[in-house]
PDB file of N, CA and C in Angstrom:
ATOM      1  N   MET A   1       2.733   1.684  14.033  1.00  0.00           N
ATOM      2  CA  MET A   1       3.948   1.216  13.491  1.00  0.00           C
ATOM      3  C   MET A   1       4.365   1.994  12.239  1.00  0.00           C
ATOM      4  N   ILE A   2       3.396   2.352  11.390  1.00  0.00           N
ATOM      5  CA  ILE A   2       3.670   3.116  10.216  1.00  0.00           C
ATOM      6  C   ILE A   2       4.211   4.507  10.582  1.00  0.00           C
ATOM      7  N   LEU A   3       3.577   5.111  11.531  1.00  0.00           N
ATOM      8  CA  LEU A   3       4.046   6.432  11.951  1.00  0.00           C
ATOM      9  C   LEU A   3       5.415   6.363  12.586  1.00  0.00           C
ATOM     10  N   TRP A   4       5.700   5.329  13.326  1.00  0.00           N
ATOM     11  CA  TRP A   4       7.022   5.146  13.964  1.00  0.00           C
ATOM     12  C   TRP A   4       8.053   4.984  12.870  1.00  0.00           C
ATOM     13  N   ALA A   5       7.763   4.126  11.852  1.00  0.00           N
ATOM     14  CA  ALA A   5       8.720   3.880  10.768  1.00  0.00           C
ATOM     15  C   ALA A   5       8.994   5.172   9.979  1.00  0.00           C
ATOM     16  N   ALA A   6       7.979   5.929   9.702  1.00  0.00           N
ATOM     17  CA  ALA A   6       8.095   7.219   8.990  1.00  0.00           C
ATOM     18  C   ALA A   6       8.970   8.168   9.824  1.00  0.00           C
ATOM     19  N   GLY A   7       8.755   8.200  11.127  1.00  0.00           N
ATOM     20  CA  GLY A   7       9.573   9.006  12.006  1.00  0.00           C
ATOM     21  C   GLY A   7      11.022   8.651  12.049  1.00  0.00           C
ATOM     22  N   ARG A   8      11.274   7.323  12.049  1.00  0.00           N
ATOM     23  CA  ARG A   8      12.666   6.798  12.042  1.00  0.00           C
ATOM     24  C   ARG A   8      13.323   7.185  10.701  1.00  0.00           C
ATOM     25  N   LEU A   9      12.586   7.338   9.657  1.00  0.00           N
ATOM     26  CA  LEU A   9      13.163   7.682   8.363  1.00  0.00           C
ATOM     27  C   LEU A   9      13.159   9.189   8.167  1.00  0.00           C
ATOM     28  N   CYS A  10      12.648   9.933   9.120  1.00  0.00           N
ATOM     29  CA  CYS A  10      12.555  11.408   9.101  1.00  0.00           C
ATOM     30  C   CYS A  10      11.817  11.841   7.827  1.00  0.00           C
ATOM     31  N   THR A  11      10.683  11.183   7.589  1.00  0.00           N
ATOM     32  CA  THR A  11       9.863  11.543   6.424  1.00  0.00           C
ATOM     33  C   THR A  11       8.363  11.548   6.828  1.00  0.00           C
ATOM     34  N   ALA A  12       7.591  12.141   6.043  1.00  0.00           N
ATOM     35  CA  ALA A  12       6.149  12.197   6.293  1.00  0.00           C
ATOM     36  C   ALA A  12       5.528  10.882   5.881  1.00  0.00           C
ATOM     37  N   PRO A  13       4.494  10.443   6.566  1.00  0.00           N
ATOM     38  CA  PRO A  13       3.775   9.216   6.192  1.00  0.00           C
ATOM     39  C   PRO A  13       3.281   9.266   4.750  1.00  0.00           C
ATOM     40  N   ALA A  14       2.897  10.429   4.271  1.00  0.00           N
ATOM     41  CA  ALA A  14       2.414  10.576   2.881  1.00  0.00           C
ATOM     42  C   ALA A  14       3.458  10.232   1.856  1.00  0.00           C
ATOM     43  N   ASP A  15       4.774  10.230   2.273  1.00  0.00           N
ATOM     44  CA  ASP A  15       5.858   9.837   1.407  1.00  0.00           C
ATOM     45  C   ASP A  15       6.221   8.375   1.488  1.00  0.00           C
ATOM     46  N   CYS A  16       5.425   7.646   2.272  1.00  0.00           N
ATOM     47  CA  CYS A  16       5.699   6.180   2.470  1.00  0.00           C
ATOM     48  C   CYS A  16       4.624   5.342   1.827  1.00  0.00           C
ATOM     49  N   ALA A  17       4.961   4.112   1.568  1.00  0.00           N
ATOM     50  CA  ALA A  17       4.011   3.137   0.986  1.00  0.00           C
ATOM     51  C   ALA A  17       3.992   1.901   1.886  1.00  0.00           C
ATOM     52  N   VAL A  18       2.857   1.347   2.051  1.00  0.00           N
ATOM     53  CA  VAL A  18       2.694   0.121   2.820  1.00  0.00           C
ATOM     54  C   VAL A  18       2.166  -0.926   1.866  1.00  0.00           C
ATOM     55  N   ILE A  19       2.889  -2.027   1.756  1.00  0.00           N
ATOM     56  CA  ILE A  19       2.471  -3.148   0.971  1.00  0.00           C
ATOM     57  C   ILE A  19       1.954  -4.180   1.900  1.00  0.00           C
ATOM     58  N   GLY A  20       0.727  -4.541   1.810  1.00  0.00           N
ATOM     59  CA  GLY A  20       0.116  -5.535   2.751  1.00  0.00           C
ATOM     60  C   GLY A  20      -0.764  -6.506   2.018  1.00  0.00           C
ATOM     61  N   ASP A  21      -1.234  -7.484   2.748  1.00  0.00           N
ATOM     62  CA  ASP A  21      -2.081  -8.524   2.155  1.00  0.00           C
ATOM     63  C   ASP A  21      -3.470  -8.607   2.809  1.00  0.00           C
ATOM     64  N   THR A  22      -3.849  -7.654   3.588  1.00  0.00           N
ATOM     65  CA  THR A  22      -5.201  -7.651   4.151  1.00  0.00           C
ATOM     66  C   THR A  22      -5.789  -6.286   4.084  1.00  0.00           C
ATOM     67  N   ASP A  23      -7.089  -6.230   4.181  1.00  0.00           N
ATOM     68  CA  ASP A  23      -7.772  -4.927   4.266  1.00  0.00           C
ATOM     69  C   ASP A  23      -7.395  -4.168   5.512  1.00  0.00           C
ATOM     70  N   ALA A  24      -7.018  -4.816   6.605  1.00  0.00           N
ATOM     71  CA  ALA A  24      -6.555  -4.173   7.809  1.00  0.00           C
ATOM     72  C   ALA A  24      -5.246  -3.412   7.561  1.00  0.00           C
ATOM     73  N   HIS A  25      -4.363  -3.964   6.715  1.00  0.00           N
ATOM     74  CA  HIS A  25      -3.152  -3.274   6.415  1.00  0.00           C
ATOM     75  C   HIS A  25      -3.416  -2.003   5.617  1.00  0.00           C
ATOM     76  N   MET A  26      -4.417  -2.111   4.715  1.00  0.00           N
ATOM     77  CA  MET A  26      -4.759  -0.899   3.902  1.00  0.00           C
ATOM     78  C   MET A  26      -5.426   0.157   4.764  1.00  0.00           C
ATOM     79  N   GLU A  27      -6.228  -0.294   5.749  1.00  0.00           N
ATOM     80  CA  GLU A  27      -6.835   0.702   6.659  1.00  0.00           C
ATOM     81  C   GLU A  27      -5.780   1.331   7.528  1.00  0.00           C
ATOM     82  N   ALA A  28      -4.837   0.610   7.978  1.00  0.00           N
ATOM     83  CA  ALA A  28      -3.717   1.191   8.773  1.00  0.00           C
ATOM     84  C   ALA A  28      -2.944   2.205   7.969  1.00  0.00           C
ATOM     85  N   ALA A  29      -2.676   1.900   6.713  1.00  0.00           N
ATOM     86  CA  ALA A  29      -1.961   2.844   5.844  1.00  0.00           C
ATOM     87  C   ALA A  29      -2.804   4.103   5.644  1.00  0.00           C
ATOM     88  N   ARG A  30      -4.067   3.969   5.373  1.00  0.00           N
ATOM     89  CA  ARG A  30      -4.938   5.083   5.198  1.00  0.00           C
ATOM     90  C   ARG A  30      -5.008   5.998   6.410  1.00  0.00           C
ATOM     91  N   ARG A  31      -5.161   5.344   7.605  1.00  0.00           N
ATOM     92  CA  ARG A  31      -5.242   6.153   8.823  1.00  0.00           C
ATOM     93  C   ARG A  31      -3.933   6.860   9.123  1.00  0.00           C
ATOM     94  N   ALA A  32      -2.809   6.292   8.746  1.00  0.00           N
ATOM     95  CA  ALA A  32      -1.546   6.925   8.991  1.00  0.00           C
ATOM     96  C   ALA A  32      -1.221   8.005   7.943  1.00  0.00           C
ATOM     97  N   GLY A  33      -1.956   7.985   6.808  1.00  0.00           N
ATOM     98  CA  GLY A  33      -1.740   8.938   5.789  1.00  0.00           C
ATOM     99  C   GLY A  33      -0.687   8.442   4.767  1.00  0.00           C
ATOM    100  N   ALA A  34      -0.424   7.149   4.773  1.00  0.00           N
ATOM    101  CA  ALA A  34       0.535   6.538   3.805  1.00  0.00           C
ATOM    102  C   ALA A  34      -0.234   5.951   2.616  1.00  0.00           C
ATOM    103  N   HIS A  35       0.489   5.627   1.570  1.00  0.00           N
ATOM    104  CA  HIS A  35      -0.089   4.947   0.407  1.00  0.00           C
ATOM    105  C   HIS A  35      -0.126   3.462   0.682  1.00  0.00           C
ATOM    106  N   GLY A  36      -1.230   2.820   0.352  1.00  0.00           N
ATOM    107  CA  GLY A  36      -1.366   1.375   0.544  1.00  0.00           C
ATOM    108  C   GLY A  36      -1.469   0.630  -0.738  1.00  0.00           C
ATOM    109  N   ILE A  37      -0.742  -0.468  -0.819  1.00  0.00           N
ATOM    110  CA  ILE A  37      -0.873  -1.349  -1.976  1.00  0.00           C
ATOM    111  C   ILE A  37      -1.216  -2.724  -1.513  1.00  0.00           C
ATOM    112  N   LEU A  38      -2.314  -3.264  -1.982  1.00  0.00           N
ATOM    113  CA  LEU A  38      -2.792  -4.572  -1.532  1.00  0.00           C
ATOM    114  C   LEU A  38      -2.296  -5.683  -2.466  1.00  0.00           C
ATOM    115  N   VAL A  39      -1.630  -6.675  -1.923  1.00  0.00           N
ATOM    116  CA  VAL A  39      -1.238  -7.885  -2.621  1.00  0.00           C
ATOM    117  C   VAL A  39      -1.964  -9.019  -1.987  1.00  0.00           C
ATOM    118  N   SER A  40      -2.903  -9.591  -2.700  1.00  0.00           N
ATOM    119  CA  SER A  40      -3.758 -10.588  -2.107  1.00  0.00           C
ATOM    120  C   SER A  40      -4.199 -11.623  -3.103  1.00  0.00           C
ATOM    121  N   THR A  41      -4.385 -12.854  -2.678  1.00  0.00           N
ATOM    122  CA  THR A  41      -4.843 -13.906  -3.534  1.00  0.00           C
ATOM    123  C   THR A  41      -6.389 -14.058  -3.463  1.00  0.00           C
ATOM    124  N   VAL A  42      -6.982 -13.439  -2.492  1.00  0.00           N
ATOM    125  CA  VAL A  42      -8.475 -13.433  -2.358  1.00  0.00           C
ATOM    126  C   VAL A  42      -8.987 -12.068  -2.701  1.00  0.00           C
ATOM    127  N   ARG A  43     -10.204 -12.002  -3.096  1.00  0.00           N
ATOM    128  CA  ARG A  43     -10.808 -10.712  -3.488  1.00  0.00           C
ATOM    129  C   ARG A  43     -11.038  -9.921  -2.198  1.00  0.00           C
ATOM    130  N   PRO A  44     -10.396  -8.724  -2.047  1.00  0.00           N
ATOM    131  CA  PRO A  44     -10.572  -7.948  -0.842  1.00  0.00           C
ATOM    132  C   PRO A  44     -11.904  -7.207  -0.833  1.00  0.00           C
ATOM    133  N   GLN A  45     -12.271  -6.783   0.335  1.00  0.00           N
ATOM    134  CA  GLN A  45     -13.479  -5.999   0.446  1.00  0.00           C
ATOM    135  C   GLN A  45     -13.259  -4.518   0.121  1.00  0.00           C
ATOM    136  N   ALA A  46     -12.038  -4.054   0.304  1.00  0.00           N
ATOM    137  CA  ALA A  46     -11.729  -2.647   0.012  1.00  0.00           C
ATOM    138  C   ALA A  46     -11.849  -2.405  -1.469  1.00  0.00           C
ATOM    139  N   THR A  47     -12.603  -1.357  -1.822  1.00  0.00           N
ATOM    140  CA  THR A  47     -12.771  -1.022  -3.269  1.00  0.00           C
ATOM    141  C   THR A  47     -11.877   0.105  -3.647  1.00  0.00           C
ATOM    142  N   THR A  48     -11.248   0.822  -2.698  1.00  0.00           N
ATOM    143  CA  THR A  48     -10.419   1.944  -3.043  1.00  0.00           C
ATOM    144  C   THR A  48      -8.959   1.617  -2.954  1.00  0.00           C
ATOM    145  N   ALA A  49      -8.616   0.377  -2.638  1.00  0.00           N
ATOM    146  CA  ALA A  49      -7.223  -0.010  -2.455  1.00  0.00           C
ATOM    147  C   ALA A  49      -6.536  -0.143  -3.794  1.00  0.00           C
ATOM    148  N   HIS A  50      -5.312   0.338  -3.885  1.00  0.00           N
ATOM    149  CA  HIS A  50      -4.490   0.030  -5.037  1.00  0.00           C
ATOM    150  C   HIS A  50      -4.078  -1.449  -4.877  1.00  0.00           C
ATOM    151  N   THR A  51      -4.001  -2.115  -5.996  1.00  0.00           N
ATOM    152  CA  THR A  51      -3.687  -3.537  -5.927  1.00  0.00           C
ATOM    153  C   THR A  51      -2.596  -3.929  -6.874  1.00  0.00           C
ATOM    154  N   ALA A  52      -1.905  -4.981  -6.552  1.00  0.00           N
ATOM    155  CA  ALA A  52      -0.905  -5.537  -7.438  1.00  0.00           C
ATOM    156  C   ALA A  52      -1.081  -7.064  -7.381  1.00  0.00           C
ATOM    157  N   PRO A  53      -0.747  -7.768  -8.458  1.00  0.00           N
ATOM    158  CA  PRO A  53      -0.936  -9.220  -8.441  1.00  0.00           C
ATOM    159  C   PRO A  53       0.037  -9.955  -7.579  1.00  0.00           C
ATOM    160  N   ASP A  54       1.210  -9.393  -7.327  1.00  0.00           N
ATOM    161  CA  ASP A  54       2.233 -10.012  -6.490  1.00  0.00           C
ATOM    162  C   ASP A  54       3.164  -8.981  -5.911  1.00  0.00           C
ATOM    163  N   LEU A  55       3.991  -9.376  -4.923  1.00  0.00           N
ATOM    164  CA  LEU A  55       4.899  -8.461  -4.263  1.00  0.00           C
ATOM    165  C   LEU A  55       5.886  -7.866  -5.195  1.00  0.00           C
ATOM    166  N   GLY A  56       6.502  -8.644  -6.131  1.00  0.00           N
ATOM    167  CA  GLY A  56       7.434  -8.079  -7.051  1.00  0.00           C
ATOM    168  C   GLY A  56       6.872  -6.996  -7.894  1.00  0.00           C
ATOM    169  N   THR A  57       5.675  -7.135  -8.381  1.00  0.00           N
ATOM    170  CA  THR A  57       5.021  -6.112  -9.192  1.00  0.00           C
ATOM    171  C   THR A  57       4.787  -4.851  -8.360  1.00  0.00           C
ATOM    172  N   ALA A  58       4.359  -5.035  -7.111  1.00  0.00           N
ATOM    173  CA  ALA A  58       4.150  -3.838  -6.285  1.00  0.00           C
ATOM    174  C   ALA A  58       5.463  -3.064  -6.057  1.00  0.00           C
ATOM    175  N   VAL A  59       6.520  -3.784  -5.773  1.00  0.00           N
ATOM    176  CA  VAL A  59       7.832  -3.102  -5.540  1.00  0.00           C
ATOM    177  C   VAL A  59       8.351  -2.409  -6.799  1.00  0.00           C
ATOM    178  N   ARG A  60       8.242  -3.147  -7.934  1.00  0.00           N
ATOM    179  CA  ARG A  60       8.694  -2.567  -9.194  1.00  0.00           C
ATOM    180  C   ARG A  60       7.892  -1.294  -9.538  1.00  0.00           C
ATOM    181  N   ALA A  61       6.571  -1.319  -9.306  1.00  0.00           N
ATOM    182  CA  ALA A  61       5.767  -0.109  -9.523  1.00  0.00           C
ATOM    183  C   ALA A  61       6.198   1.020  -8.679  1.00  0.00           C
ATOM    184  N   LEU A  62       6.452   0.757  -7.397  1.00  0.00           N
ATOM    185  CA  LEU A  62       6.892   1.827  -6.540  1.00  0.00           C
ATOM    186  C   LEU A  62       8.236   2.400  -6.954  1.00  0.00           C
ATOM    187  N   LEU A  63       9.173   1.560  -7.281  1.00  0.00           N
ATOM    188  CA  LEU A  63      10.555   1.957  -7.658  1.00  0.00           C
ATOM    189  C   LEU A  63      10.551   2.688  -9.014  1.00  0.00           C
ATOM    190  N   SER A  64       9.702   2.320  -9.894  1.00  0.00           N
ATOM    191  CA  SER A  64       9.702   2.957 -11.247  1.00  0.00           C
ATOM    192  C   SER A  64       8.817   4.216 -11.307  1.00  0.00           C
ATOM    193  N   GLY A  65       8.013   4.380 -10.256  1.00  0.00           N
ATOM    194  CA  GLY A  65       7.126   5.566 -10.263  1.00  0.00           C
ATOM    195  C   GLY A  65       5.842   5.329 -11.099  1.00  0.00           C
ATOM    196  N   ARG A  66       5.693   4.110 -11.609  1.00  0.00           N
ATOM    197  CA  ARG A  66       4.459   3.818 -12.362  1.00  0.00           C
ATOM    198  C   ARG A  66       3.299   3.688 -11.408  1.00  0.00           C
ATOM    199  N   PRO A  67       2.127   4.030 -11.857  1.00  0.00           N
ATOM    200  CA  PRO A  67       0.947   3.822 -11.009  1.00  0.00           C
ATOM    201  C   PRO A  67       0.681   2.323 -10.811  1.00  0.00           C
ATOM    202  N   VAL A  68       0.134   1.977  -9.672  1.00  0.00           N
ATOM    203  CA  VAL A  68      -0.223   0.592  -9.456  1.00  0.00           C
ATOM    204  C   VAL A  68      -1.628   0.356  -9.934  1.00  0.00           C
ATOM    205  N   PHE A  69      -2.054  -0.908  -9.949  1.00  0.00           N
ATOM    206  CA  PHE A  69      -3.348  -1.260 -10.502  1.00  0.00           C
ATOM    207  C   PHE A  69      -4.466  -0.886  -9.508  1.00  0.00           C
ATOM    208  N   ARG A  70      -5.632  -0.638 -10.063  1.00  0.00           N
ATOM    209  CA  ARG A  70      -6.857  -0.428  -9.229  1.00  0.00           C
ATOM    210  C   ARG A  70      -7.671  -1.704  -9.255  1.00  0.00           C
ATOM    211  N   MET A  71      -8.356  -1.957  -8.182  1.00  0.00           N
ATOM    212  CA  MET A  71      -9.206  -3.116  -8.027  1.00  0.00           C
ATOM    213  C   MET A  71     -10.376  -2.927  -8.987  1.00  0.00           C
ATOM    214  N   SER A  72     -10.657  -3.921  -9.795  1.00  0.00           N
ATOM    215  CA  SER A  72     -11.835  -3.898 -10.674  1.00  0.00           C
ATOM    216  C   SER A  72     -12.982  -4.484  -9.963  1.00  0.00           C
ATOM    217  N   ARG A  73     -14.129  -3.979 -10.182  1.00  0.00           N
ATOM    218  CA  ARG A  73     -15.329  -4.440  -9.504  1.00  0.00           C
ATOM    219  C   ARG A  73     -15.930  -5.615 -10.209  1.00  0.00           C
TER     220      ARG A  73
END
């Protein structure tokens, strides 16, 4: 689905971001070559996922070009 969406936008997956709430969403983003941002209320298993505390923060970070947060161990 990520590759399809990138194709519809005539852009490379590396220029896309996926905001999801599960580790499976982050894995799909990684496999497609897109950037993944995890928004979750539970501690995820992924240690390399960029995280945001809520959807609004994730979107603002993407639109402003600011880096998103990293999961703390």
